[in-house]
Amino acid sequence: MKIVVIGGTGLIGSKTVDRLRKEGHEVIAASPASGVNTITGEGLSECLKGADVVIDVANSPSFDDGPVMEFFQTSGRNLLAAEAKAGVKHHIALSVVGTERLQESGYFRAKAAQEDLIKKSGIPYSIVHSTQFFEFLGGIVASAAKGENIHLSPASIQPIASDDVAAAMADVATGAPINGILEIAGPEKVSLSSLAARYLREVDDPRTVVSDVNAKYFGAMLNDQSLVPGPNPRIGRTDFGTWFATRPVKN
């Protein structure tokens, strides 16, 4: 198959591209650097010619309410319109477990808007809802920092390694459209604040994690159901200890 990966040079995109190429597919890693821009529409029609499947793993450069909504709506409309013209048979998007429960957050409202565009497009689709990536723990800590303290909710999460996300994306790409949502998660359910504290210990960061039930997660309040999957998710194989021991960046 010919598969176009939008955001194909990023963390998940590059790993997904590698997997699909090893399986023998023709894969285009599309990004602004390669001349494909979903915001302006540049290069879209050319790269989608003859494409069977499009995987969209691009993310907004800004999480602020206005820019993030503009990114996902503009990118989504341009991409889906180009796919319809090209006769793409399967659109796949990576989204987030709990999106529908976290609508206090501008980021999650924007992801919900993106998903709504996909569902109404008429193109067969699969939406993959993933839990938080281990690789984003540093960013989560940074977003919650107040001086030497990190204020995070003790709510449950079930984080996943990017390799396991890429494996799921590749499998979905080579299967039939779900026309619905697949949830994926890691093998361990833990507290967000306790996992962040473990991460800081492992990287020798002396800051303190404060477990705070009122701490917001990118603008949204959390409970123990907010960030964990429902029944029968696809479970990745990599736990935190394995991920940390094998991750390429050591600090």
C-alpha atoms as a PDB file:
ATOM      1  CA  MET A   1       0.000   0.000   0.000  1.00  0.00           C
ATOM      2  CA  LYS A   2       0.931   3.632  -0.329  1.00  0.00           C
ATOM      3  CA  ILE A   3       0.691   5.236   3.106  1.00  0.00           C
ATOM      4  CA  VAL A   4       1.203   8.929   3.880  1.00  0.00           C
ATOM      5  CA  VAL A   5       2.127   9.821   7.459  1.00  0.00           C
ATOM      6  CA  ILE A   6       1.360  13.451   8.320  1.00  0.00           C
ATOM      7  CA  GLY A   7       3.816  14.428  11.040  1.00  0.00           C
ATOM      8  CA  GLY A   8       6.011  11.614   9.785  1.00  0.00           C
ATOM      9  CA  THR A   9       9.262  13.015  11.187  1.00  0.00           C
ATOM     10  CA  GLY A  10       8.059  13.409  14.785  1.00  0.00           C
ATOM     11  CA  LEU A  11       8.294  10.972  17.703  1.00  0.00           C
ATOM     12  CA  ILE A  12       5.383   8.703  16.785  1.00  0.00           C
ATOM     13  CA  GLY A  13       5.440   9.452  13.074  1.00  0.00           C
ATOM     14  CA  SER A  14       9.055   8.442  12.507  1.00  0.00           C
ATOM     15  CA  LYS A  15       8.639   5.180  14.400  1.00  0.00           C
ATOM     16  CA  THR A  16       5.436   4.380  12.505  1.00  0.00           C
ATOM     17  CA  VAL A  17       7.109   5.137   9.166  1.00  0.00           C
ATOM     18  CA  ASP A  18      10.006   2.795  10.008  1.00  0.00           C
ATOM     19  CA  ARG A  19       7.668  -0.048  10.947  1.00  0.00           C
ATOM     20  CA  LEU A  20       5.562   0.250   7.813  1.00  0.00           C
ATOM     21  CA  ARG A  21       8.574   0.475   5.516  1.00  0.00           C
ATOM     22  CA  LYS A  22       9.996  -2.686   7.048  1.00  0.00           C
ATOM     23  CA  GLU A  23       6.686  -4.375   6.211  1.00  0.00           C
ATOM     24  CA  GLY A  24       7.231  -3.444   2.563  1.00  0.00           C
ATOM     25  CA  HIS A  25       4.810  -0.540   2.165  1.00  0.00           C
ATOM     26  CA  GLU A  26       5.494   2.635   0.223  1.00  0.00           C
ATOM     27  CA  VAL A  27       5.510   5.272   2.956  1.00  0.00           C
ATOM     28  CA  ILE A  28       5.809   9.049   2.674  1.00  0.00           C
ATOM     29  CA  ALA A  29       6.935  10.874   5.830  1.00  0.00           C
ATOM     30  CA  ALA A  30       5.152  14.176   5.264  1.00  0.00           C
ATOM     31  CA  SER A  31       5.987  17.346   7.183  1.00  0.00           C
ATOM     32  CA  PRO A  32       6.538  21.043   6.487  1.00  0.00           C
ATOM     33  CA  ALA A  33      10.258  20.274   6.142  1.00  0.00           C
ATOM     34  CA  SER A  34       9.436  17.891   3.270  1.00  0.00           C
ATOM     35  CA  GLY A  35       7.214  20.477   1.573  1.00  0.00           C
ATOM     36  CA  VAL A  36       3.866  19.236   2.889  1.00  0.00           C
ATOM     37  CA  ASN A  37       1.959  21.719   5.027  1.00  0.00           C
ATOM     38  CA  THR A  38      -1.574  20.935   6.174  1.00  0.00           C
ATOM     39  CA  ILE A  39      -2.145  24.514   7.364  1.00  0.00           C
ATOM     40  CA  THR A  40      -1.404  26.179   4.020  1.00  0.00           C
ATOM     41  CA  GLY A  41      -2.278  23.136   1.901  1.00  0.00           C
ATOM     42  CA  GLU A  42       1.159  23.216   0.273  1.00  0.00           C
ATOM     43  CA  GLY A  43       2.176  19.863  -1.226  1.00  0.00           C
ATOM     44  CA  LEU A  44      -0.927  17.983  -0.057  1.00  0.00           C
ATOM     45  CA  SER A  45      -2.406  17.029  -3.419  1.00  0.00           C
ATOM     46  CA  GLU A  46       0.962  15.880  -4.746  1.00  0.00           C
ATOM     47  CA  CYS A  47       1.870  13.635  -1.824  1.00  0.00           C
ATOM     48  CA  LEU A  48      -1.628  12.104  -1.630  1.00  0.00           C
ATOM     49  CA  LYS A  49      -1.732  10.969  -5.272  1.00  0.00           C
ATOM     50  CA  GLY A  50      -2.352   7.226  -5.264  1.00  0.00           C
ATOM     51  CA  ALA A  51      -2.389   7.019  -1.458  1.00  0.00           C
ATOM     52  CA  ASP A  52      -4.454   4.239   0.092  1.00  0.00           C
ATOM     53  CA  VAL A  53      -4.073   5.317   3.718  1.00  0.00           C
ATOM     54  CA  VAL A  54      -3.304   8.569   5.540  1.00  0.00           C
ATOM     55  CA  ILE A  55      -2.093   8.576   9.138  1.00  0.00           C
ATOM     56  CA  ASP A  56      -2.282  11.928  10.917  1.00  0.00           C
ATOM     57  CA  VAL A  57      -0.027  12.169  13.957  1.00  0.00           C
ATOM     58  CA  ALA A  58       0.763  15.887  13.654  1.00  0.00           C
ATOM     59  CA  ASN A  59       0.420  18.009  16.780  1.00  0.00           C
ATOM     60  CA  SER A  60      -0.115  21.704  17.327  1.00  0.00           C
ATOM     61  CA  PRO A  61       2.995  23.789  18.047  1.00  0.00           C
ATOM     62  CA  SER A  62       0.950  25.767  20.597  1.00  0.00           C
ATOM     63  CA  PHE A  63      -1.395  24.482  23.314  1.00  0.00           C
ATOM     64  CA  ASP A  64      -2.986  27.912  23.852  1.00  0.00           C
ATOM     65  CA  ASP A  65      -6.766  27.841  23.335  1.00  0.00           C
ATOM     66  CA  GLY A  66      -7.035  29.893  20.151  1.00  0.00           C
ATOM     67  CA  PRO A  67      -3.985  28.645  18.240  1.00  0.00           C
ATOM     68  CA  VAL A  68      -4.561  24.971  19.065  1.00  0.00           C
ATOM     69  CA  MET A  69      -8.175  25.089  17.881  1.00  0.00           C
ATOM     70  CA  GLU A  70      -7.128  26.904  14.701  1.00  0.00           C
ATOM     71  CA  PHE A  71      -4.403  24.328  14.056  1.00  0.00           C
ATOM     72  CA  PHE A  72      -6.554  21.216  14.362  1.00  0.00           C
ATOM     73  CA  GLN A  73      -9.543  22.670  12.510  1.00  0.00           C
ATOM     74  CA  THR A  74      -7.545  24.162   9.632  1.00  0.00           C
ATOM     75  CA  SER A  75      -5.249  21.173   9.305  1.00  0.00           C
ATOM     76  CA  GLY A  76      -8.154  18.744   9.540  1.00  0.00           C
ATOM     77  CA  ARG A  77     -10.275  20.489   6.922  1.00  0.00           C
ATOM     78  CA  ASN A  78      -7.398  20.849   4.451  1.00  0.00           C
ATOM     79  CA  LEU A  79      -6.213  17.284   4.894  1.00  0.00           C
ATOM     80  CA  LEU A  80      -9.628  15.653   4.663  1.00  0.00           C
ATOM     81  CA  ALA A  81     -10.577  17.692   1.601  1.00  0.00           C
ATOM     82  CA  ALA A  82      -7.368  16.673  -0.147  1.00  0.00           C
ATOM     83  CA  GLU A  83      -7.947  13.026   0.802  1.00  0.00           C
ATOM     84  CA  ALA A  84     -11.473  13.098  -0.625  1.00  0.00           C
ATOM     85  CA  LYS A  85     -10.136  14.405  -3.943  1.00  0.00           C
ATOM     86  CA  ALA A  86      -7.359  11.795  -3.978  1.00  0.00           C
ATOM     87  CA  GLY A  87      -9.688   8.899  -3.180  1.00  0.00           C
ATOM     88  CA  VAL A  88      -7.962   7.902   0.058  1.00  0.00           C
ATOM     89  CA  LYS A  89      -9.586   4.774   1.476  1.00  0.00           C
ATOM     90  CA  HIS A  90      -8.664   5.036   5.174  1.00  0.00           C
ATOM     91  CA  HIS A  91      -7.941   8.044   7.397  1.00  0.00           C
ATOM     92  CA  ILE A  92      -6.271   7.352  10.742  1.00  0.00           C
ATOM     93  CA  ALA A  93      -5.780   9.940  13.473  1.00  0.00           C
ATOM     94  CA  LEU A  94      -3.943   9.756  16.770  1.00  0.00           C
ATOM     95  CA  SER A  95      -5.850  11.357  19.633  1.00  0.00           C
ATOM     96  CA  VAL A  96      -5.976  11.079  23.424  1.00  0.00           C
ATOM     97  CA  VAL A  97      -7.747   8.801  25.889  1.00  0.00           C
ATOM     98  CA  GLY A  98     -10.188  10.966  27.832  1.00  0.00           C
ATOM     99  CA  THR A  99     -10.583  13.671  25.188  1.00  0.00           C
ATOM    100  CA  GLU A 100     -14.367  13.715  25.613  1.00  0.00           C
ATOM    101  CA  ARG A 101     -14.008  13.945  29.426  1.00  0.00           C
ATOM    102  CA  LEU A 102     -11.521  16.838  29.466  1.00  0.00           C
ATOM    103  CA  GLN A 103     -13.414  19.578  27.646  1.00  0.00           C
ATOM    104  CA  GLU A 104     -12.371  22.194  30.239  1.00  0.00           C
ATOM    105  CA  SER A 105      -9.059  22.188  28.376  1.00  0.00           C
ATOM    106  CA  GLY A 106      -8.667  24.135  25.145  1.00  0.00           C
ATOM    107  CA  TYR A 107      -6.316  21.445  23.840  1.00  0.00           C
ATOM    108  CA  PHE A 108      -8.857  18.680  24.329  1.00  0.00           C
ATOM    109  CA  ARG A 109     -11.663  20.808  22.877  1.00  0.00           C
ATOM    110  CA  ALA A 110      -9.492  21.176  19.781  1.00  0.00           C
ATOM    111  CA  LYS A 111      -8.867  17.427  19.605  1.00  0.00           C
ATOM    112  CA  ALA A 112     -12.615  16.815  19.891  1.00  0.00           C
ATOM    113  CA  ALA A 113     -13.189  19.253  17.023  1.00  0.00           C
ATOM    114  CA  GLN A 114     -10.613  17.390  14.929  1.00  0.00           C
ATOM    115  CA  GLU A 115     -12.338  14.084  15.637  1.00  0.00           C
ATOM    116  CA  ASP A 116     -15.724  15.567  14.706  1.00  0.00           C
ATOM    117  CA  LEU A 117     -14.375  16.663  11.313  1.00  0.00           C
ATOM    118  CA  ILE A 118     -13.104  13.136  10.691  1.00  0.00           C
ATOM    119  CA  LYS A 119     -16.402  11.492  11.623  1.00  0.00           C
ATOM    120  CA  LYS A 120     -18.346  13.811   9.308  1.00  0.00           C
ATOM    121  CA  SER A 121     -15.900  13.599   6.376  1.00  0.00           C
ATOM    122  CA  GLY A 122     -17.384  10.528   4.714  1.00  0.00           C
ATOM    123  CA  ILE A 123     -13.920   8.943   4.505  1.00  0.00           C
ATOM    124  CA  PRO A 124     -13.581   5.548   6.247  1.00  0.00           C
ATOM    125  CA  TYR A 125     -11.615   6.213   9.417  1.00  0.00           C
ATOM    126  CA  SER A 126     -10.009   4.927  12.570  1.00  0.00           C
ATOM    127  CA  ILE A 127      -9.298   7.148  15.588  1.00  0.00           C
ATOM    128  CA  VAL A 128      -6.676   5.838  18.003  1.00  0.00           C
ATOM    129  CA  HIS A 129      -7.019   7.193  21.533  1.00  0.00           C
ATOM    130  CA  SER A 130      -3.711   6.816  23.364  1.00  0.00           C
ATOM    131  CA  THR A 131      -2.846   7.421  26.978  1.00  0.00           C
ATOM    132  CA  GLN A 132       0.095   9.696  27.852  1.00  0.00           C
ATOM    133  CA  PHE A 133       3.500   8.770  26.423  1.00  0.00           C
ATOM    134  CA  PHE A 134       6.354   8.094  28.845  1.00  0.00           C
ATOM    135  CA  GLU A 135       8.409  10.375  26.610  1.00  0.00           C
ATOM    136  CA  PHE A 136       6.206  13.337  27.574  1.00  0.00           C
ATOM    137  CA  LEU A 137       6.803  13.027  31.322  1.00  0.00           C
ATOM    138  CA  GLY A 138       9.377  15.796  31.199  1.00  0.00           C
ATOM    139  CA  GLY A 139       6.877  18.100  29.515  1.00  0.00           C
ATOM    140  CA  ILE A 140       4.152  17.220  32.005  1.00  0.00           C
ATOM    141  CA  VAL A 141       6.527  18.044  34.868  1.00  0.00           C
ATOM    142  CA  ALA A 142       7.514  21.338  33.229  1.00  0.00           C
ATOM    143  CA  SER A 143       3.859  22.336  32.769  1.00  0.00           C
ATOM    144  CA  ALA A 144       3.171  21.810  36.490  1.00  0.00           C
ATOM    145  CA  ALA A 145       6.287  23.446  37.940  1.00  0.00           C
ATOM    146  CA  LYS A 146       5.943  26.176  40.547  1.00  0.00           C
ATOM    147  CA  GLY A 147       9.456  26.999  41.686  1.00  0.00           C
ATOM    148  CA  GLU A 148      10.978  23.900  43.257  1.00  0.00           C
ATOM    149  CA  ASN A 149       7.623  22.148  43.549  1.00  0.00           C
ATOM    150  CA  ILE A 150       5.711  20.226  40.905  1.00  0.00           C
ATOM    151  CA  HIS A 151       1.951  20.299  41.536  1.00  0.00           C
ATOM    152  CA  LEU A 152       0.235  17.312  39.947  1.00  0.00           C
ATOM    153  CA  SER A 153      -2.992  15.440  40.490  1.00  0.00           C
ATOM    154  CA  PRO A 154      -2.880  11.990  42.144  1.00  0.00           C
ATOM    155  CA  ALA A 155      -5.425  10.803  39.540  1.00  0.00           C
ATOM    156  CA  SER A 156      -4.812   7.480  37.838  1.00  0.00           C
ATOM    157  CA  ILE A 157      -3.049   7.268  34.483  1.00  0.00           C
ATOM    158  CA  GLN A 158      -1.927   4.312  32.377  1.00  0.00           C
ATOM    159  CA  PRO A 159       1.032   5.647  30.363  1.00  0.00           C
ATOM    160  CA  ILE A 160       2.421   4.016  27.235  1.00  0.00           C
ATOM    161  CA  ALA A 161       5.764   3.903  25.420  1.00  0.00           C
ATOM    162  CA  SER A 162       6.015   5.538  21.998  1.00  0.00           C
ATOM    163  CA  ASP A 163       7.211   2.256  20.478  1.00  0.00           C
ATOM    164  CA  ASP A 164       3.943   0.622  21.538  1.00  0.00           C
ATOM    165  CA  VAL A 165       1.949   3.531  20.101  1.00  0.00           C
ATOM    166  CA  ALA A 166       3.776   3.210  16.771  1.00  0.00           C
ATOM    167  CA  ALA A 167       3.117  -0.536  16.709  1.00  0.00           C
ATOM    168  CA  ALA A 168      -0.597   0.090  17.186  1.00  0.00           C
ATOM    169  CA  MET A 169      -0.675   2.793  14.493  1.00  0.00           C
ATOM    170  CA  ALA A 170       1.059   0.494  11.996  1.00  0.00           C
ATOM    171  CA  ASP A 171      -1.351  -2.350  12.737  1.00  0.00           C
ATOM    172  CA  VAL A 172      -4.386  -0.101  12.324  1.00  0.00           C
ATOM    173  CA  ALA A 173      -2.979   1.230   9.040  1.00  0.00           C
ATOM    174  CA  THR A 174      -2.789  -2.251   7.547  1.00  0.00           C
ATOM    175  CA  GLY A 175      -6.238  -3.295   8.763  1.00  0.00           C
ATOM    176  CA  ALA A 176      -9.776  -2.351   7.816  1.00  0.00           C
ATOM    177  CA  PRO A 177     -11.178   1.017   8.972  1.00  0.00           C
ATOM    178  CA  ILE A 178     -12.795   0.824  12.402  1.00  0.00           C
ATOM    179  CA  ASN A 179     -15.130   3.766  11.802  1.00  0.00           C
ATOM    180  CA  GLY A 180     -14.811   4.274  15.525  1.00  0.00           C
ATOM    181  CA  ILE A 181     -12.246   4.580  18.298  1.00  0.00           C
ATOM    182  CA  LEU A 182      -9.520   2.177  19.459  1.00  0.00           C
ATOM    183  CA  GLU A 183      -8.047   2.869  22.901  1.00  0.00           C
ATOM    184  CA  ILE A 184      -4.413   1.985  23.645  1.00  0.00           C
ATOM    185  CA  ALA A 185      -2.618   2.132  26.986  1.00  0.00           C
ATOM    186  CA  GLY A 186       0.416   0.876  28.868  1.00  0.00           C
ATOM    187  CA  PRO A 187       0.470  -2.157  31.156  1.00  0.00           C
ATOM    188  CA  GLU A 188       0.536  -0.299  34.493  1.00  0.00           C
ATOM    189  CA  LYS A 189      -2.086   1.956  36.097  1.00  0.00           C
ATOM    190  CA  VAL A 190      -0.402   4.436  38.438  1.00  0.00           C
ATOM    191  CA  SER A 191      -0.938   7.813  40.062  1.00  0.00           C
ATOM    192  CA  LEU A 192       0.181  10.748  37.911  1.00  0.00           C
ATOM    193  CA  SER A 193       1.898  12.481  40.838  1.00  0.00           C
ATOM    194  CA  SER A 194       3.672   9.321  42.006  1.00  0.00           C
ATOM    195  CA  LEU A 195       4.900   8.508  38.497  1.00  0.00           C
ATOM    196  CA  ALA A 196       6.246  12.040  38.117  1.00  0.00           C
ATOM    197  CA  ALA A 197       8.034  11.693  41.465  1.00  0.00           C
ATOM    198  CA  ARG A 198       9.605   8.415  40.305  1.00  0.00           C
ATOM    199  CA  TYR A 199      10.680  10.017  37.051  1.00  0.00           C
ATOM    200  CA  LEU A 200      12.361  12.905  38.892  1.00  0.00           C
ATOM    201  CA  ARG A 201      14.223  10.475  41.141  1.00  0.00           C
ATOM    202  CA  GLU A 202      15.431   8.502  38.131  1.00  0.00           C
ATOM    203  CA  VAL A 203      16.793  11.616  36.397  1.00  0.00           C
ATOM    204  CA  ASP A 204      18.307  12.976  39.647  1.00  0.00           C
ATOM    205  CA  ASP A 205      16.032  16.009  39.698  1.00  0.00           C
ATOM    206  CA  PRO A 206      15.827  17.285  43.303  1.00  0.00           C
ATOM    207  CA  ARG A 207      12.482  19.041  42.927  1.00  0.00           C
ATOM    208  CA  THR A 208       9.490  17.878  44.955  1.00  0.00           C
ATOM    209  CA  VAL A 209       6.214  16.593  43.528  1.00  0.00           C
ATOM    210  CA  VAL A 210       3.202  17.842  45.459  1.00  0.00           C
ATOM    211  CA  SER A 211       0.165  15.587  45.162  1.00  0.00           C
ATOM    212  CA  ASP A 212      -2.644  18.101  44.685  1.00  0.00           C
ATOM    213  CA  VAL A 213      -6.215  17.031  43.884  1.00  0.00           C
ATOM    214  CA  ASN A 214      -6.920  20.569  42.657  1.00  0.00           C
ATOM    215  CA  ALA A 215      -4.005  20.659  40.216  1.00  0.00           C
ATOM    216  CA  LYS A 216      -5.212  20.977  36.630  1.00  0.00           C
ATOM    217  CA  TYR A 217      -3.836  18.942  33.742  1.00  0.00           C
ATOM    218  CA  PHE A 218      -3.408  21.306  30.784  1.00  0.00           C
ATOM    219  CA  GLY A 219      -6.390  23.276  32.057  1.00  0.00           C
ATOM    220  CA  ALA A 220      -8.650  20.383  33.093  1.00  0.00           C
ATOM    221  CA  MET A 221      -9.470  18.902  36.480  1.00  0.00           C
ATOM    222  CA  LEU A 222      -8.820  15.167  36.781  1.00  0.00           C
ATOM    223  CA  ASN A 223     -10.375  12.200  38.522  1.00  0.00           C
ATOM    224  CA  ASP A 224      -9.434   8.523  38.419  1.00  0.00           C
ATOM    225  CA  GLN A 225     -11.419   7.977  35.214  1.00  0.00           C
ATOM    226  CA  SER A 226     -10.183  11.013  33.254  1.00  0.00           C
ATOM    227  CA  LEU A 227      -7.000   9.610  31.730  1.00  0.00           C
ATOM    228  CA  VAL A 228      -7.498   5.842  31.784  1.00  0.00           C
ATOM    229  CA  PRO A 229      -9.081   3.701  29.068  1.00  0.00           C
ATOM    230  CA  GLY A 230     -12.434   1.981  29.207  1.00  0.00           C
ATOM    231  CA  PRO A 231     -13.023  -1.758  28.745  1.00  0.00           C
ATOM    232  CA  ASN A 232     -10.840  -3.821  26.395  1.00  0.00           C
ATOM    233  CA  PRO A 233      -8.094  -1.403  25.341  1.00  0.00           C
ATOM    234  CA  ARG A 234      -5.050  -2.584  23.407  1.00  0.00           C
ATOM    235  CA  ILE A 235      -2.288  -2.892  26.011  1.00  0.00           C
ATOM    236  CA  GLY A 236       1.344  -2.123  25.214  1.00  0.00           C
ATOM    237  CA  ARG A 237       4.146  -4.331  26.483  1.00  0.00           C
ATOM    238  CA  THR A 238       6.537  -1.703  27.889  1.00  0.00           C
ATOM    239  CA  ASP A 239       6.378  -0.670  31.539  1.00  0.00           C
ATOM    240  CA  PHE A 240       8.094   2.402  33.008  1.00  0.00           C
ATOM    241  CA  GLY A 241      11.184   0.547  34.216  1.00  0.00           C
ATOM    242  CA  THR A 242      11.807  -1.037  30.821  1.00  0.00           C
ATOM    243  CA  TRP A 243      11.198   2.231  29.006  1.00  0.00           C
ATOM    244  CA  PHE A 244      13.497   4.225  31.268  1.00  0.00           C
ATOM    245  CA  ALA A 245      16.307   1.674  31.021  1.00  0.00           C
ATOM    246  CA  THR A 246      16.229   1.683  27.227  1.00  0.00           C
ATOM    247  CA  ARG A 247      15.323   5.267  26.363  1.00  0.00           C
ATOM    248  CA  PRO A 248      17.931   7.040  24.216  1.00  0.00           C
ATOM    249  CA  VAL A 249      17.944  10.298  26.207  1.00  0.00           C
ATOM    250  CA  LYS A 250      19.453   9.888  29.652  1.00  0.00           C
ATOM    251  CA  ASN A 251      18.766  13.308  31.137  1.00  0.00           C
END
